[in-house]
Amino acid sequence: MNALGSESEYIDGLAAYKGGDYKTAIEMWTKAAAQRNADAQFGLGGMYHNGHGVTQDYNQALSWYRKAANQRNAEAQFNLGLMYAKGQGVEQDDNQALLWFRKAADQGQAEAQCALGLVYQNGQGVAQDYSQAVLWYRKAAVKGNSMAQSNLGSMYHNGRGVTQDNIEALKWFMLAAAYETDEVRRDTVVISRGIVAKELTSAEIAEGQKRAVVDPMFHPSVANVIRRVIEHRKELRADLEKLCEKHVARPKDIERDLKPEEKDEIRKNFLLGLARLPLGVKYAETMGRLDRFVNDNVTKENPTLPKVEWWLRLNKLFEIEESFYKQIRGAVAENNLQDIKIYSGLAKEALHQIWDSIEEAGSPTKPTTEKQNVSNSPKTGRWKRLVKLLWD
């Protein structure tokens, strides 16, 4: 099997894993891992590490992580470092933990960068160095790592590795509270934020708040949009692989007799394909435009980004488009051609809105045009009602 084949199996396994179908995930990832697909090897390591679909086995986890880590998979390198740090499946070894944390951190893996900050802050396997701790915390913090943001807030509050600055400490605690998803850890961050706030005047608190929101790069909405672009790129690779397989190696039994349930599945896929064709073209065009926008504006060393409100709007429009697409799938299951047509049109209108938003951000001096907006849709009233419902 070629590299494209293993990538397709990895993506199929990932979809199964996200859907809770661990058996299929293991099957797909084992096939891909045998072809040295590092992402699949890392996935298998995670399943054995956490006991998802298999009996928890640190030795198996360590083995799969190591295979992926040796192929420079940053996530696997970080997890391998964690296992050495905790002595899971291997004798506890701070030096090996430091080695693998650094390999992952040098590739920009945020959790590993935060872990390196902790290593230097606590002097685990290295001489204690607060300046190095701050350096690594900052690298992870600007990527949205809430633990690094909280730890950086503590360093500023205590003046370790930096000049003591409670306003800067408040900023990082605010960001950590916004990014943290674990309720217990978030409560701890909120307590720390409150302690610092008590030491500040109202004007200083306002300054901390201003610093926390002035740069949209710190906002989760930016990461969500970028995630969509990355996922779209992976989907394109998977589609390319399936196209190659279709024309290079067709199954010999393609003409075999089909069972009734198989015929029904083909019918549903055909209907979904009809609905997706014009929608898919528009989606590909829109994601391509967004991809170019990200490359031109976000991946630069000193990016100039639209305000947070723009990213929030873009995320909301994507959520609206996805909700209509779910309605399409439901209509396909019910063989309801009218609803398929209606919701396909509405989903396309959402993509029009996304396109216009990107164009507006890419050309700030260009007047906003309404020629592609929902005002030209024959279903404007329904569109507006649905948008209002979802927006609220």
Protein backbone atom coordinates (compact mmCIF):
# COMPACT_ATOMS: atom_id res chain seq x y z
CA MET A 1 0.00 0.00 0.00
CA ASN A 2 1.28 3.50 -0.79
CA ALA A 3 1.52 6.49 1.53
CA LEU A 4 -1.79 7.85 0.28
CA GLY A 5 -3.49 4.58 1.21
CA SER A 6 -2.15 4.65 4.76
CA GLU A 7 -3.25 8.28 5.10
CA SER A 8 -6.77 7.39 4.01
CA GLU A 9 -6.91 4.52 6.53
CA TYR A 10 -5.64 6.84 9.24
CA ILE A 11 -8.39 9.38 8.49
CA ASP A 12 -11.05 6.65 8.43
CA GLY A 13 -9.73 5.42 11.77
CA LEU A 14 -9.82 8.93 13.17
CA ALA A 15 -13.45 9.34 12.14
CA ALA A 16 -14.28 6.02 13.79
CA TYR A 17 -12.41 7.00 16.95
CA LYS A 18 -14.24 10.31 17.22
CA GLY A 19 -17.51 8.45 16.79
CA GLY A 20 -16.65 6.05 19.63
CA ASP A 21 -16.14 3.08 17.29
CA TYR A 22 -12.85 1.97 18.83
CA LYS A 23 -12.89 -1.45 17.14
CA THR A 24 -12.86 0.08 13.66
CA ALA A 25 -10.33 2.71 14.75
CA ILE A 26 -7.92 0.01 15.91
CA GLU A 27 -8.43 -1.96 12.70
CA MET A 28 -7.80 1.05 10.44
CA TRP A 29 -4.88 2.41 12.45
CA THR A 30 -3.20 -1.00 12.70
CA LYS A 31 -3.25 -1.26 8.90
CA ALA A 32 -1.90 2.27 8.50
CA ALA A 33 0.69 1.82 11.27
CA ALA A 34 2.04 -1.27 9.50
CA GLN A 35 2.81 1.06 6.59
CA ARG A 36 4.74 3.34 8.99
CA ASN A 37 2.03 5.99 9.21
CA ALA A 38 3.23 7.97 12.23
CA ASP A 39 -0.17 9.48 13.03
CA ALA A 40 -1.72 6.01 13.19
CA GLN A 41 1.13 4.74 15.37
CA PHE A 42 0.54 7.65 17.72
CA GLY A 43 -3.20 6.92 17.72
CA LEU A 44 -2.62 3.30 18.69
CA GLY A 45 -0.27 4.44 21.43
CA GLY A 46 -3.00 6.68 22.79
CA MET A 47 -5.57 3.88 22.77
CA TYR A 48 -3.29 1.56 24.75
CA HIS A 49 -2.22 4.42 27.02
CA ASN A 50 -5.82 5.32 27.93
CA GLY A 51 -7.45 1.90 27.57
CA HIS A 52 -9.79 2.94 24.76
CA GLY A 53 -11.15 -0.19 23.09
CA VAL A 54 -8.33 -2.27 24.52
CA THR A 55 -6.99 -3.25 27.92
CA GLN A 56 -4.72 -0.46 29.17
CA ASP A 57 -1.15 -1.49 28.44
CA TYR A 58 1.68 0.98 29.08
CA ASN A 59 4.24 -1.28 27.38
CA GLN A 60 2.21 -1.33 24.15
CA ALA A 61 1.61 2.42 24.42
CA LEU A 62 5.32 3.03 24.88
CA SER A 63 6.15 0.86 21.88
CA TRP A 64 3.73 2.64 19.52
CA TYR A 65 4.68 6.10 20.80
CA ARG A 66 8.34 5.30 20.22
CA LYS A 67 7.69 4.16 16.62
CA ALA A 68 5.87 7.42 15.89
CA ALA A 69 8.34 9.57 17.85
CA ASN A 70 11.25 8.16 15.84
CA GLN A 71 9.45 9.48 12.76
CA ARG A 72 9.37 12.96 14.33
CA ASN A 73 5.70 12.88 15.34
CA ALA A 74 5.67 15.70 17.90
CA GLU A 75 2.59 14.47 19.79
CA ALA A 76 4.18 11.04 20.24
CA GLN A 77 7.45 12.61 21.35
CA PHE A 78 5.61 14.59 24.02
CA ASN A 79 3.66 11.55 25.26
CA LEU A 80 6.82 9.48 25.31
CA GLY A 81 8.39 12.17 27.47
CA LEU A 82 5.38 12.03 29.80
CA MET A 83 5.71 8.27 30.21
CA TYR A 84 9.38 8.64 31.14
CA ALA A 85 8.53 11.48 33.53
CA LYS A 86 5.84 9.39 35.26
CA GLY A 87 7.54 5.99 34.99
CA GLN A 88 4.70 4.45 32.98
CA GLY A 89 5.79 1.26 31.21
CA VAL A 90 9.40 2.23 31.80
CA GLU A 91 11.67 3.19 34.68
CA GLN A 92 11.21 6.86 35.65
CA ASP A 93 13.93 8.91 33.96
CA ASP A 94 14.04 12.72 34.04
CA ASN A 95 16.81 12.84 31.44
CA GLN A 96 14.84 10.81 28.89
CA ALA A 97 11.75 12.87 29.65
CA LEU A 98 13.73 16.05 29.01
CA LEU A 99 15.12 14.60 25.77
CA TRP A 100 11.70 13.82 24.31
CA PHE A 101 10.07 17.00 25.61
CA ARG A 102 12.74 19.03 23.87
CA LYS A 103 12.37 17.14 20.58
CA ALA A 104 8.63 17.86 20.59
CA ALA A 105 9.04 21.44 21.81
CA ASP A 106 11.54 22.21 19.06
CA GLN A 107 8.80 21.25 16.59
CA GLY A 108 6.42 23.74 18.23
CA GLN A 109 4.31 21.27 20.26
CA ALA A 110 2.70 23.51 22.89
CA GLU A 111 2.24 20.91 25.64
CA ALA A 112 5.88 19.93 25.37
CA GLN A 113 6.92 23.57 25.52
CA CYS A 114 4.86 23.99 28.69
CA ALA A 115 6.39 20.79 30.09
CA LEU A 116 9.89 22.17 29.42
CA GLY A 117 8.91 25.31 31.28
CA LEU A 118 7.95 23.16 34.29
CA VAL A 119 11.22 21.22 34.02
CA TYR A 120 13.26 24.43 34.20
CA GLN A 121 11.04 26.00 36.86
CA ASN A 122 11.40 22.99 39.16
CA GLY A 123 14.93 21.97 38.17
CA GLN A 124 14.00 18.43 37.16
CA GLY A 125 17.05 16.90 35.47
CA VAL A 126 18.44 20.37 34.79
CA ALA A 127 19.64 23.33 36.81
CA GLN A 128 16.71 25.46 37.94
CA ASP A 129 16.40 28.39 35.52
CA TYR A 130 13.42 30.74 35.78
CA SER A 131 14.38 32.65 32.63
CA GLN A 132 14.30 29.46 30.58
CA ALA A 133 11.02 28.52 32.23
CA VAL A 134 9.49 31.85 31.18
CA LEU A 135 10.85 31.45 27.65
CA TRP A 136 9.17 28.06 27.16
CA TYR A 137 5.97 29.05 28.93
CA ARG A 138 5.65 32.03 26.62
CA LYS A 139 6.11 29.89 23.51
CA ALA A 140 3.27 27.63 24.64
CA ALA A 141 1.10 30.44 26.00
CA VAL A 142 0.85 32.30 22.70
CA LYS A 143 -0.44 29.06 21.15
CA GLY A 144 -3.34 29.04 23.61
CA ASN A 145 -1.99 26.51 26.14
CA SER A 146 -3.94 27.38 29.28
CA MET A 147 -1.49 25.76 31.72
CA ALA A 148 1.41 27.73 30.24
CA GLN A 149 -0.66 30.92 30.39
CA SER A 150 -1.47 30.31 34.06
CA ASN A 151 2.13 29.46 34.91
CA LEU A 152 3.34 32.55 33.08
CA GLY A 153 0.87 34.60 35.11
CA SER A 154 2.40 33.15 38.29
CA MET A 155 5.92 33.98 37.11
CA TYR A 156 4.94 37.61 36.53
CA HIS A 157 3.10 37.76 39.85
CA ASN A 158 6.12 36.44 41.76
CA GLY A 159 8.79 38.15 39.64
CA ARG A 160 10.54 34.90 38.70
CA GLY A 161 12.52 35.07 35.46
CA VAL A 162 10.86 38.41 34.66
CA THR A 163 10.36 41.80 36.25
CA GLN A 164 7.43 41.59 38.67
CA ASP A 165 4.32 42.92 36.89
CA ASN A 166 0.84 42.32 38.26
CA ILE A 167 -0.89 43.82 35.22
CA GLU A 168 0.87 41.34 32.96
CA ALA A 169 0.10 38.58 35.47
CA LEU A 170 -3.60 39.51 35.36
CA LYS A 171 -3.55 39.40 31.56
CA TRP A 172 -2.20 35.86 31.48
CA PHE A 173 -4.58 34.63 34.19
CA MET A 174 -7.48 36.11 32.19
CA LEU A 175 -6.35 34.33 29.05
CA ALA A 176 -5.85 31.07 30.97
CA ALA A 177 -9.39 31.29 32.36
CA ALA A 178 -10.75 31.83 28.83
CA TYR A 179 -8.83 28.91 27.31
CA GLU A 180 -9.14 26.36 30.12
CA THR A 181 -11.75 23.68 29.44
CA ASP A 182 -11.40 21.70 32.66
CA GLU A 183 -13.76 23.21 35.25
CA VAL A 184 -11.60 22.31 38.28
CA ARG A 185 -8.44 23.80 36.77
CA ARG A 186 -10.37 26.82 35.58
CA ASP A 187 -11.65 27.44 39.12
CA THR A 188 -8.04 27.43 40.34
CA VAL A 189 -7.06 29.94 37.65
CA VAL A 190 -10.00 32.18 38.56
CA ILE A 191 -8.87 32.17 42.20
CA SER A 192 -5.35 33.22 41.15
CA ARG A 193 -6.82 35.91 38.91
CA GLY A 194 -8.83 37.23 41.84
CA ILE A 195 -5.77 37.34 44.13
CA VAL A 196 -3.85 39.42 41.59
CA ALA A 197 -6.83 41.70 40.91
CA LYS A 198 -7.06 42.60 44.61
CA GLU A 199 -3.56 44.05 44.36
CA LEU A 200 -4.49 46.34 41.47
CA THR A 201 -6.42 49.56 41.03
CA SER A 202 -9.47 49.75 38.77
CA ALA A 203 -7.39 51.45 36.08
CA GLU A 204 -4.73 48.74 36.27
CA ILE A 205 -7.37 46.01 36.01
CA ALA A 206 -8.77 47.76 32.93
CA GLU A 207 -5.28 47.80 31.43
CA GLY A 208 -4.89 44.06 32.08
CA GLN A 209 -8.22 43.41 30.39
CA LYS A 210 -7.19 45.52 27.42
CA ARG A 211 -3.94 43.59 27.03
CA ALA A 212 -5.80 40.28 27.18
CA VAL A 213 -8.15 41.06 24.29
CA VAL A 214 -6.16 43.45 22.10
CA ASP A 215 -4.56 40.67 20.03
CA PRO A 216 -7.03 38.29 18.36
CA MET A 217 -4.25 35.71 18.00
CA PHE A 218 -4.93 34.88 21.65
CA HIS A 219 -8.61 34.22 21.03
CA PRO A 220 -9.91 30.61 20.65
CA SER A 221 -12.01 31.62 17.64
CA VAL A 222 -8.83 32.10 15.59
CA ALA A 223 -7.65 28.58 16.45
CA ASN A 224 -11.07 27.20 15.47
CA VAL A 225 -10.92 28.76 12.01
CA ILE A 226 -7.34 27.60 11.45
CA ARG A 227 -8.37 24.09 12.59
CA ARG A 228 -11.02 24.07 9.87
CA VAL A 229 -8.42 24.95 7.26
CA ILE A 230 -6.11 22.15 8.43
CA GLU A 231 -8.96 19.62 8.44
CA HIS A 232 -9.95 20.72 4.95
CA ARG A 233 -6.39 20.05 3.74
CA LYS A 234 -6.55 16.54 5.24
CA GLU A 235 -9.91 15.94 3.54
CA LEU A 236 -8.41 16.92 0.20
CA ARG A 237 -5.59 14.39 0.68
CA ALA A 238 -8.10 11.66 1.59
CA ASP A 239 -10.28 12.49 -1.43
CA LEU A 240 -7.22 12.33 -3.69
CA GLU A 241 -6.34 8.88 -2.31
CA LYS A 242 -9.88 7.57 -2.84
CA LEU A 243 -9.84 8.93 -6.39
CA CYS A 244 -6.53 7.16 -7.05
CA GLU A 245 -7.80 3.86 -5.64
CA LYS A 246 -10.98 4.12 -7.72
CA HIS A 247 -9.08 4.39 -10.99
CA VAL A 248 -6.01 2.26 -10.20
CA ALA A 249 -7.32 -0.78 -8.32
CA ARG A 250 -11.03 -1.53 -8.67
CA PRO A 251 -12.30 -4.52 -6.67
CA LYS A 252 -12.87 -7.66 -8.74
CA ASP A 253 -16.27 -8.23 -7.18
CA ILE A 254 -17.59 -4.75 -8.00
CA GLU A 255 -20.38 -6.32 -10.08
CA ARG A 256 -21.51 -8.78 -7.36
CA ASP A 257 -25.16 -9.00 -6.36
CA LEU A 258 -26.09 -6.46 -3.73
CA LYS A 259 -28.20 -7.07 -0.66
CA PRO A 260 -31.31 -4.87 -0.18
CA GLU A 261 -29.66 -2.88 2.63
CA GLU A 262 -26.63 -2.29 0.41
CA LYS A 263 -28.83 -1.01 -2.39
CA ASP A 264 -30.56 1.31 0.08
CA GLU A 265 -27.18 2.64 1.22
CA ILE A 266 -26.16 3.27 -2.40
CA ARG A 267 -29.43 5.13 -3.01
CA LYS A 268 -28.90 7.33 0.03
CA ASN A 269 -25.29 8.03 -0.95
CA PHE A 270 -26.47 8.92 -4.47
CA LEU A 271 -29.02 11.40 -3.09
CA LEU A 272 -26.44 12.85 -0.73
CA GLY A 273 -24.03 13.12 -3.64
CA LEU A 274 -26.56 15.08 -5.68
CA ALA A 275 -27.08 17.46 -2.77
CA ARG A 276 -23.38 17.80 -2.10
CA LEU A 277 -22.28 18.41 -5.68
CA PRO A 278 -23.11 22.15 -5.98
CA LEU A 279 -22.64 22.59 -2.24
CA GLY A 280 -19.30 20.80 -2.38
CA VAL A 281 -18.08 23.05 -5.18
CA LYS A 282 -19.00 26.14 -3.19
CA TYR A 283 -17.45 24.69 -0.02
CA ALA A 284 -14.20 23.89 -1.85
CA GLU A 285 -14.08 27.41 -3.33
CA THR A 286 -14.75 29.00 0.07
CA MET A 287 -12.20 26.86 1.93
CA GLY A 288 -9.64 27.53 -0.78
CA ARG A 289 -10.19 31.27 -0.31
CA LEU A 290 -9.91 30.89 3.46
CA ASP A 291 -6.75 28.79 3.06
CA ARG A 292 -5.13 31.58 1.03
CA PHE A 293 -6.27 34.16 3.56
CA VAL A 294 -4.70 32.17 6.42
CA ASN A 295 -1.45 31.74 4.50
CA ASP A 296 -1.31 35.45 3.65
CA ASN A 297 -2.34 36.85 7.02
CA VAL A 298 -2.01 34.34 9.87
CA THR A 299 1.15 32.34 9.23
CA LYS A 300 3.35 35.41 8.90
CA GLU A 301 5.82 36.06 11.70
CA ASN A 302 4.03 39.28 12.67
CA PRO A 303 0.45 38.72 11.53
CA THR A 304 -2.04 41.54 11.12
CA LEU A 305 -5.40 39.98 11.91
CA PRO A 306 -9.01 41.12 11.78
CA LYS A 307 -10.66 41.93 15.10
CA VAL A 308 -12.00 39.18 17.35
CA GLU A 309 -15.57 39.96 16.27
CA TRP A 310 -14.68 38.95 12.69
CA TRP A 311 -13.40 35.54 13.80
CA LEU A 312 -16.43 35.01 16.02
CA ARG A 313 -18.72 35.77 13.08
CA LEU A 314 -16.82 33.39 10.82
CA ASN A 315 -17.07 30.58 13.38
CA LYS A 316 -20.80 31.21 13.82
CA LEU A 317 -21.35 31.09 10.05
CA PHE A 318 -19.50 27.78 9.86
CA GLU A 319 -21.70 26.43 12.65
CA ILE A 320 -24.79 27.55 10.71
CA GLU A 321 -23.54 25.89 7.51
CA GLU A 322 -22.82 22.67 9.42
CA SER A 323 -26.28 22.70 10.99
CA PHE A 324 -27.87 22.94 7.54
CA TYR A 325 -25.66 20.11 6.30
CA LYS A 326 -26.93 17.92 9.16
CA GLN A 327 -30.45 18.73 8.00
CA ILE A 328 -29.47 17.59 4.51
CA ARG A 329 -28.32 14.24 5.86
CA GLY A 330 -31.57 13.87 7.76
CA ALA A 331 -33.57 14.67 4.63
CA VAL A 332 -31.56 12.10 2.67
CA ALA A 333 -32.38 9.45 5.28
CA GLU A 334 -36.08 10.30 4.86
CA ASN A 335 -35.85 10.48 1.03
CA ASN A 336 -37.19 14.06 1.22
CA LEU A 337 -35.97 15.70 -1.99
CA GLN A 338 -37.64 19.04 -1.27
CA ASP A 339 -35.87 19.48 2.06
CA ILE A 340 -32.60 18.35 0.52
CA LYS A 341 -32.91 21.17 -2.02
CA ILE A 342 -33.96 23.77 0.58
CA TYR A 343 -31.20 23.04 3.08
CA SER A 344 -28.56 22.78 0.33
CA GLY A 345 -29.51 26.29 -0.75
CA LEU A 346 -29.36 27.59 2.81
CA ALA A 347 -25.96 25.99 3.39
CA LYS A 348 -24.68 27.63 0.20
CA GLU A 349 -25.94 30.99 1.44
CA ALA A 350 -23.94 30.54 4.64
CA LEU A 351 -20.85 29.83 2.53
CA HIS A 352 -21.59 32.99 0.50
CA GLN A 353 -21.57 34.92 3.77
CA ILE A 354 -18.23 33.36 4.77
CA TRP A 355 -16.77 34.23 1.35
CA ASP A 356 -17.94 37.84 1.63
CA SER A 357 -16.48 38.12 5.15
CA ILE A 358 -13.09 36.88 3.93
CA GLU A 359 -13.17 39.23 0.95
CA GLU A 360 -14.03 42.15 3.20
CA ALA A 361 -11.20 41.33 5.61
CA GLY A 362 -8.78 40.83 2.73
CA SER A 363 -9.73 44.15 1.14
CA PRO A 364 -10.58 46.55 3.99
CA THR A 365 -10.80 49.57 1.69
CA LYS A 366 -13.15 47.84 -0.73
CA PRO A 367 -16.85 48.72 -0.29
CA THR A 368 -18.99 45.84 0.94
CA THR A 369 -21.05 44.31 -1.87
CA GLU A 370 -24.36 42.62 -1.33
CA LYS A 371 -24.63 40.88 -4.69
CA GLN A 372 -23.72 37.50 -3.22
CA ASN A 373 -25.51 38.00 0.08
CA VAL A 374 -28.79 36.53 1.27
CA SER A 375 -30.78 39.52 0.03
CA ASN A 376 -30.79 37.87 -3.42
CA SER A 377 -31.98 34.51 -2.11
CA PRO A 378 -35.57 33.46 -2.92
CA LYS A 379 -35.72 32.01 0.58
CA THR A 380 -34.49 35.13 2.37
CA GLY A 381 -37.21 35.11 5.02
CA ARG A 382 -36.58 31.51 6.01
CA TRP A 383 -32.85 32.06 5.95
CA LYS A 384 -33.08 35.05 8.25
CA ARG A 385 -35.30 33.22 10.73
CA LEU A 386 -32.96 30.24 10.87
CA VAL A 387 -29.88 32.41 11.16
CA LYS A 388 -31.46 34.40 13.98
CA LEU A 389 -32.37 31.20 15.80
CA LEU A 390 -28.87 29.77 15.50
CA TRP A 391 -27.14 33.07 16.16
CA ASP A 392 -29.00 33.59 19.41
